[in-house]
Each structure stands twice: as structure tokens, then as C-alpha cells.
C-alpha atoms as a PDB file:
ATOM      1  CA  MET A   1      85.523 107.086 108.700  1.00  0.00           C
ATOM      2  CA  SER A   2      89.183 106.436 109.062  1.00  0.00           C
ATOM      3  CA  GLU A   3      90.272 108.694 106.220  1.00  0.00           C
ATOM      4  CA  ILE A   4      89.113 111.728 108.188  1.00  0.00           C
ATOM      5  CA  GLN A   5      91.170 110.615 111.154  1.00  0.00           C
ATOM      6  CA  GLU A   6      94.240 110.112 108.832  1.00  0.00           C
ATOM      7  CA  ALA A   7      93.709 113.710 107.556  1.00  0.00           C
ATOM      8  CA  VAL A   8      93.476 115.040 111.060  1.00  0.00           C
ATOM      9  CA  GLN A   9      96.684 113.071 111.941  1.00  0.00           C
ATOM     10  CA  PHE A  10      98.553 114.502 108.934  1.00  0.00           C
ATOM     11  CA  LYS A  11      97.385 118.033 110.020  1.00  0.00           C
ATOM     12  CA  VAL A  12      98.567 117.260 113.535  1.00  0.00           C
ATOM     13  CA  ASP A  13     101.916 115.999 112.185  1.00  0.00           C
ATOM     14  CA  GLY A  14     102.160 119.207 110.051  1.00  0.00           C
ATOM     15  CA  ASN A  15     101.686 121.307 113.073  1.00  0.00           C
ATOM     16  CA  ARG A  16     104.455 119.470 114.786  1.00  0.00           C
ATOM     17  CA  CYS A  17     106.818 120.007 111.827  1.00  0.00           C
ATOM     18  CA  TYR A  18     105.818 123.687 111.812  1.00  0.00           C
ATOM     19  CA  LYS A  19     106.770 124.024 115.480  1.00  0.00           C
ATOM     20  CA  GLU A  20     110.163 122.384 114.754  1.00  0.00           C
ATOM     21  CA  ARG A  21     110.579 124.864 111.801  1.00  0.00           C
ATOM     22  CA  LYS A  22     110.661 122.060 109.313  1.00  0.00           C
ATOM     23  CA  PHE A  23     108.392 124.016 106.888  1.00  0.00           C
ATOM     24  CA  ARG A  24     108.877 121.966 103.812  1.00  0.00           C
ATOM     25  CA  GLU A  25     107.867 118.828 105.643  1.00  0.00           C
ATOM     26  CA  ALA A  26     104.960 120.613 107.238  1.00  0.00           C
ATOM     27  CA  ILE A  27     103.737 121.693 103.825  1.00  0.00           C
ATOM     28  CA  GLY A  28     103.854 118.036 102.666  1.00  0.00           C
ATOM     29  CA  LYS A  29     101.792 116.960 105.627  1.00  0.00           C
ATOM     30  CA  TYR A  30      99.113 119.545 105.136  1.00  0.00           C
ATOM     31  CA  HIS A  31      98.973 118.713 101.410  1.00  0.00           C
ATOM     32  CA  ARG A  32      98.478 114.973 102.261  1.00  0.00           C
ATOM     33  CA  ALA A  33      95.766 115.913 104.797  1.00  0.00           C
ATOM     34  CA  LEU A  34      93.917 117.965 102.052  1.00  0.00           C
ATOM     35  CA  LEU A  35      94.319 115.041  99.670  1.00  0.00           C
ATOM     36  CA  GLN A  36      92.650 112.689 102.099  1.00  0.00           C
ATOM     37  CA  LEU A  37      89.797 115.146 102.690  1.00  0.00           C
ATOM     38  CA  LYS A  38      89.284 115.551  98.932  1.00  0.00           C
ATOM     39  CA  GLY A  39      89.029 111.688  98.698  1.00  0.00           C
ATOM     40  CA  VAL A  40      86.436 111.744 101.569  1.00  0.00           C
ATOM     41  CA  GLN A  41      84.442 114.506 100.001  1.00  0.00           C
ATOM     42  CA  GLY A  42      84.666 112.919  96.534  1.00  0.00           C
ATOM     43  CA  ARG A  43      83.294 109.587  97.723  1.00  0.00           C
ATOM     44  CA  ALA A  44      80.546 111.103  99.998  1.00  0.00           C
ATOM     45  CA  GLY A  45      79.369 113.252  96.977  1.00  0.00           C
ATOM     46  CA  ALA A  46      79.653 110.476  94.239  1.00  0.00           C
ATOM     47  CA  ALA A  47      76.462 108.985  92.842  1.00  0.00           C
ATOM     48  CA  SER A  48      76.311 105.366  93.479  1.00  0.00           C
ATOM     49  CA  LEU A  49      76.144 104.513  89.871  1.00  0.00           C
ATOM     50  CA  GLU A  50      79.505 106.274  89.270  1.00  0.00           C
ATOM     51  CA  GLN A  51      81.136 104.575  92.117  1.00  0.00           C
ATOM     52  CA  ASN A  52      84.297 102.397  91.416  1.00  0.00           C
ATOM     53  CA  LEU A  53      83.677  98.776  92.299  1.00  0.00           C
ATOM     54  CA  LEU A  54      86.946  98.898  94.383  1.00  0.00           C
ATOM     55  CA  ASP A  55      85.672 101.799  96.565  1.00  0.00           C
ATOM     56  CA  PRO A  56      84.044 101.133  99.809  1.00  0.00           C
ATOM     57  CA  PRO A  57      80.278 101.723  99.733  1.00  0.00           C
ATOM     58  CA  CYS A  58      79.433 105.336  99.631  1.00  0.00           C
ATOM     59  CA  CYS A  59      77.617 106.873 102.686  1.00  0.00           C
ATOM     60  CA  PRO A  60      76.727 110.436 103.472  1.00  0.00           C
ATOM     61  CA  LEU A  61      78.826 112.140 106.024  1.00  0.00           C
ATOM     62  CA  THR A  62      77.208 112.971 109.440  1.00  0.00           C
ATOM     63  CA  GLU A  63      77.092 116.610 110.591  1.00  0.00           C
ATOM     64  CA  GLU A  64      79.923 115.956 112.902  1.00  0.00           C
ATOM     65  CA  GLN A  65      82.103 114.580 110.174  1.00  0.00           C
ATOM     66  CA  LEU A  66      81.148 117.400 107.831  1.00  0.00           C
ATOM     67  CA  ARG A  67      82.264 119.898 110.420  1.00  0.00           C
ATOM     68  CA  LEU A  68      85.522 118.063 111.122  1.00  0.00           C
ATOM     69  CA  VAL A  69      86.260 117.830 107.497  1.00  0.00           C
ATOM     70  CA  GLU A  70      85.705 121.535 107.022  1.00  0.00           C
ATOM     71  CA  SER A  71      87.603 122.629 110.085  1.00  0.00           C
ATOM     72  CA  THR A  72      90.521 120.406 109.195  1.00  0.00           C
ATOM     73  CA  GLU A  73      90.528 121.704 105.638  1.00  0.00           C
ATOM     74  CA  VAL A  74      90.510 125.406 106.825  1.00  0.00           C
ATOM     75  CA  GLU A  75      93.197 124.765 109.449  1.00  0.00           C
ATOM     76  CA  CYS A  76      95.366 123.050 106.663  1.00  0.00           C
ATOM     77  CA  TYR A  77      95.029 125.932 104.331  1.00  0.00           C
ATOM     78  CA  ASP A  78      95.650 128.493 107.035  1.00  0.00           C
ATOM     79  CA  SER A  79      98.704 126.622 108.257  1.00  0.00           C
ATOM     80  CA  LEU A  80      99.978 126.285 104.645  1.00  0.00           C
ATOM     81  CA  THR A  81     100.027 130.005 104.316  1.00  0.00           C
ATOM     82  CA  ALA A  82     102.067 130.366 107.486  1.00  0.00           C
ATOM     83  CA  CYS A  83     104.580 127.910 106.054  1.00  0.00           C
ATOM     84  CA  LEU A  84     104.709 129.402 102.622  1.00  0.00           C
ATOM     85  CA  LEU A  85     105.457 132.821 104.144  1.00  0.00           C
ATOM     86  CA  GLN A  86     108.460 131.184 105.949  1.00  0.00           C
ATOM     87  CA  SER A  87     109.830 129.971 102.549  1.00  0.00           C
ATOM     88  CA  GLU A  88     113.004 131.507 101.169  1.00  0.00           C
ATOM     89  CA  LEU A  89     111.269 132.246  97.908  1.00  0.00           C
ATOM     90  CA  VAL A  90     107.608 133.004  98.861  1.00  0.00           C
ATOM     91  CA  ASN A  91     104.942 132.103  96.325  1.00  0.00           C
ATOM     92  CA  TYR A  92     102.567 134.970  96.991  1.00  0.00           C
ATOM     93  CA  GLU A  93     100.116 133.801  94.432  1.00  0.00           C
ATOM     94  CA  ARG A  94      99.622 130.564  96.341  1.00  0.00           C
ATOM     95  CA  VAL A  95      99.462 132.412  99.618  1.00  0.00           C
ATOM     96  CA  ARG A  96      96.701 134.529  98.359  1.00  0.00           C
ATOM     97  CA  GLU A  97      94.847 131.522  96.870  1.00  0.00           C
ATOM     98  CA  TYR A  98      94.961 129.596 100.172  1.00  0.00           C
ATOM     99  CA  CYS A  99      93.944 132.683 102.143  1.00  0.00           C
ATOM    100  CA  LEU A 100      90.920 133.119  99.915  1.00  0.00           C
ATOM    101  CA  LYS A 101      89.945 129.379 100.551  1.00  0.00           C
ATOM    102  CA  VAL A 102      89.978 129.991 104.259  1.00  0.00           C
ATOM    103  CA  LEU A 103      88.044 133.300 103.882  1.00  0.00           C
ATOM    104  CA  GLU A 104      85.427 131.539 101.907  1.00  0.00           C
ATOM    105  CA  LYS A 105      84.658 129.410 104.831  1.00  0.00           C
ATOM    106  CA  GLN A 106      85.604 131.862 107.659  1.00  0.00           C
ATOM    107  CA  ARG A 107      85.033 135.370 106.654  1.00  0.00           C
ATOM    108  CA  SER A 108      86.377 136.767 109.927  1.00  0.00           C
ATOM    109  CA  ASN A 109      89.660 134.806 110.031  1.00  0.00           C
ATOM    110  CA  PHE A 110      92.078 137.520 111.158  1.00  0.00           C
ATOM    111  CA  LYS A 111      95.314 135.686 110.051  1.00  0.00           C
ATOM    112  CA  ALA A 112      93.892 134.832 106.572  1.00  0.00           C
ATOM    113  CA  THR A 113      92.743 138.430 106.119  1.00  0.00           C
ATOM    114  CA  TYR A 114      96.131 139.814 107.171  1.00  0.00           C
ATOM    115  CA  ARG A 115      98.065 137.314 104.960  1.00  0.00           C
ATOM    116  CA  ALA A 116      95.844 137.995 102.091  1.00  0.00           C
ATOM    117  CA  GLY A 117      96.664 141.666 102.462  1.00  0.00           C
ATOM    118  CA  VAL A 118     100.466 140.915 102.708  1.00  0.00           C
ATOM    119  CA  ALA A 119     100.149 138.579  99.516  1.00  0.00           C
ATOM    120  CA  CYS A 120      98.320 141.272  97.572  1.00  0.00           C
ATOM    121  CA  TYR A 121     100.883 143.826  98.592  1.00  0.00           C
ATOM    122  CA  HIS A 122     103.812 141.759  97.360  1.00  0.00           C
ATOM    123  CA  LEU A 123     101.886 140.994  94.143  1.00  0.00           C
ATOM    124  CA  GLY A 124     101.513 144.719  93.507  1.00  0.00           C
ATOM    125  CA  ASP A 125      97.722 144.871  94.037  1.00  0.00           C
ATOM    126  CA  PHE A 126      97.886 147.652  96.579  1.00  0.00           C
ATOM    127  CA  GLY A 127      94.213 148.613  96.527  1.00  0.00           C
ATOM    128  CA  ARG A 128      93.138 145.051  97.438  1.00  0.00           C
ATOM    129  CA  ALA A 129      96.038 144.834  99.891  1.00  0.00           C
ATOM    130  CA  LEU A 130      94.759 147.873 101.676  1.00  0.00           C
ATOM    131  CA  ARG A 131      91.214 146.533 101.809  1.00  0.00           C
ATOM    132  CA  TYR A 132      92.354 143.249 103.469  1.00  0.00           C
ATOM    133  CA  LEU A 133      94.752 145.121 105.744  1.00  0.00           C
ATOM    134  CA  ARG A 134      92.140 147.519 106.984  1.00  0.00           C
ATOM    135  CA  GLU A 135      89.737 144.704 107.494  1.00  0.00           C
ATOM    136  CA  ALA A 136      92.514 142.950 109.588  1.00  0.00           C
ATOM    137  CA  GLN A 137      92.997 146.226 111.500  1.00  0.00           C
ATOM    138  CA  SER A 138      89.348 146.516 112.331  1.00  0.00           C
ATOM    139  CA  ARG A 139      89.737 143.000 114.059  1.00  0.00           C
ATOM    140  CA  GLU A 140      93.006 143.699 115.690  1.00  0.00           C
ATOM    141  CA  PRO A 141      93.632 147.411 115.961  1.00  0.00           C
ATOM    142  CA  ALA A 142      96.900 147.238 117.782  1.00  0.00           C
ATOM    143  CA  ASP A 143      98.579 144.661 115.621  1.00  0.00           C
ATOM    144  CA  THR A 144     101.941 146.164 114.654  1.00  0.00           C
ATOM    145  CA  ASN A 145     102.352 143.862 111.702  1.00  0.00           C
ATOM    146  CA  VAL A 146      99.108 144.972 110.129  1.00  0.00           C
ATOM    147  CA  LEU A 147      99.869 148.671 110.927  1.00  0.00           C
ATOM    148  CA  ARG A 148     103.362 148.389 109.272  1.00  0.00           C
ATOM    149  CA  TYR A 149     101.903 146.781 106.145  1.00  0.00           C
ATOM    150  CA  ILE A 150      99.196 149.420 105.957  1.00  0.00           C
ATOM    151  CA  GLN A 151     101.829 152.092 106.018  1.00  0.00           C
ATOM    152  CA  LEU A 152     103.996 150.315 103.477  1.00  0.00           C
ATOM    153  CA  THR A 153     100.844 149.902 101.148  1.00  0.00           C
ATOM    154  CA  GLU A 154      99.855 153.520 101.501  1.00  0.00           C
ATOM    155  CA  LEU A 155     103.362 154.647 100.771  1.00  0.00           C
ATOM    156  CA  LYS A 156     103.539 152.479  97.576  1.00  0.00           C
ATOM    157  CA  MET A 157     100.188 153.803  96.489  1.00  0.00           C
ATOM    158  CA  LEU A 158     101.269 157.530  97.025  1.00  0.00           C
ATOM    159  CA  ARG A 159     104.493 156.819  95.146  1.00  0.00           C
ATOM    160  CA  GLY A 160     102.428 155.208  92.334  1.00  0.00           C
ATOM    161  CA  GLY A 161     100.175 158.152  92.109  1.00  0.00           C
ATOM    162  CA  GLN A 162      97.209 156.474  93.705  1.00  0.00           C
ATOM    163  CA  ARG A 163      95.347 157.983  96.620  1.00  0.00           C
ATOM    164  CA  PRO A 164      95.080 155.487  99.582  1.00  0.00           C
ATOM    165  CA  GLY A 165      91.433 155.261 100.657  1.00  0.00           C
ATOM    166  CA  TYR A 166      90.042 156.351  97.270  1.00  0.00           C
ATOM    167  CA  GLN A 167      90.926 153.368  95.055  1.00  0.00           C
ATOM    168  CA  GLU A 168      89.382 150.666  97.103  1.00  0.00           C
ATOM    169  CA  LEU A 169      86.059 152.593  97.146  1.00  0.00           C
ATOM    170  CA  ILE A 170      85.628 152.344  93.517  1.00  0.00           C
ATOM    171  CA  ALA A 171      87.059 148.886  93.112  1.00  0.00           C
END
């Protein structure tokens, strides 16, 4: 299915742009890849009666194609969060949303867990931020960025009258 290959190529182009620090261009490439994948998934799941006459005949995706679609989708959302965090004005709502999409498919994704914690911190959701950050710390105990954000979050919670460690137990 050539649309899947096009999506993969957009992702590869996005990765190149990211390495060149062209974050806005990379974001565009990742979004185009995701749009391609949505088209593939939509046609593969469409009932034959609902198909548009101009669309190619619908055929189910093979296991290999399904894996490629899913891994490309996860990589695009993960890379989008990296790009968004490099923006001058970071949209932390979107960062959190994309991290959650990654974590739906890959519960143990360290970067998505850490970035979700960072996004929650900046959105003022300190209890949830601390949960994500501690989860990230359990995977990478020596990561200095995680440790720094845990300290920042705990400090915010203490200043706000919350006890770090208690709030997330009841949430």
C-alpha cells in the first residue's frame, strides 16, 4: 500500500528536519504522515457499502502493515512532542495530548512518560505531573531532567500546600 510508504517517508523527512532544527517544518511533515495513516486506517476499516466510488477497492491490512502503521503513528506523535517542546511558545495541552496517544500504544515509553510529566507540570496539574515523573524515574533513575522536574514539582506542591506523595495516592 503506497500510502503507508508515503507516511513513512513523511516521518523520515520530519526526522531530517528535526535534526536540522527546522521544527516547524518537521511538525508539518509529521502531521502529513499522520493524515496519510488516518486515510489508510479509514479505508481499511470502511464497510464496502460506504466506500466512495473514486476510492480504490478496500482491502484489510496485513499484520505487517498494521504494525508499520502503528509504529509510524507512535513515532510521529512522539516526535511531534519533541518538536513542540522546542517551540518558542509551547502548547503544553497538545504535548500532553500527543504523549497520551503514545502511552495508549506503548505504556512503557520513557520519553512520552517524561514529557507528559513536563506538560502536566506546566499546566499546573502537579499531582499528575509527579505521577508521570516518578514513573519515568522508575525507568531511568539517573536521568537528571526527570530528577530536576520532580524537585520542581514537589516544590510547587509544597508552596501550594499540597504534600508530595499524598495527593497522587488519592487521585
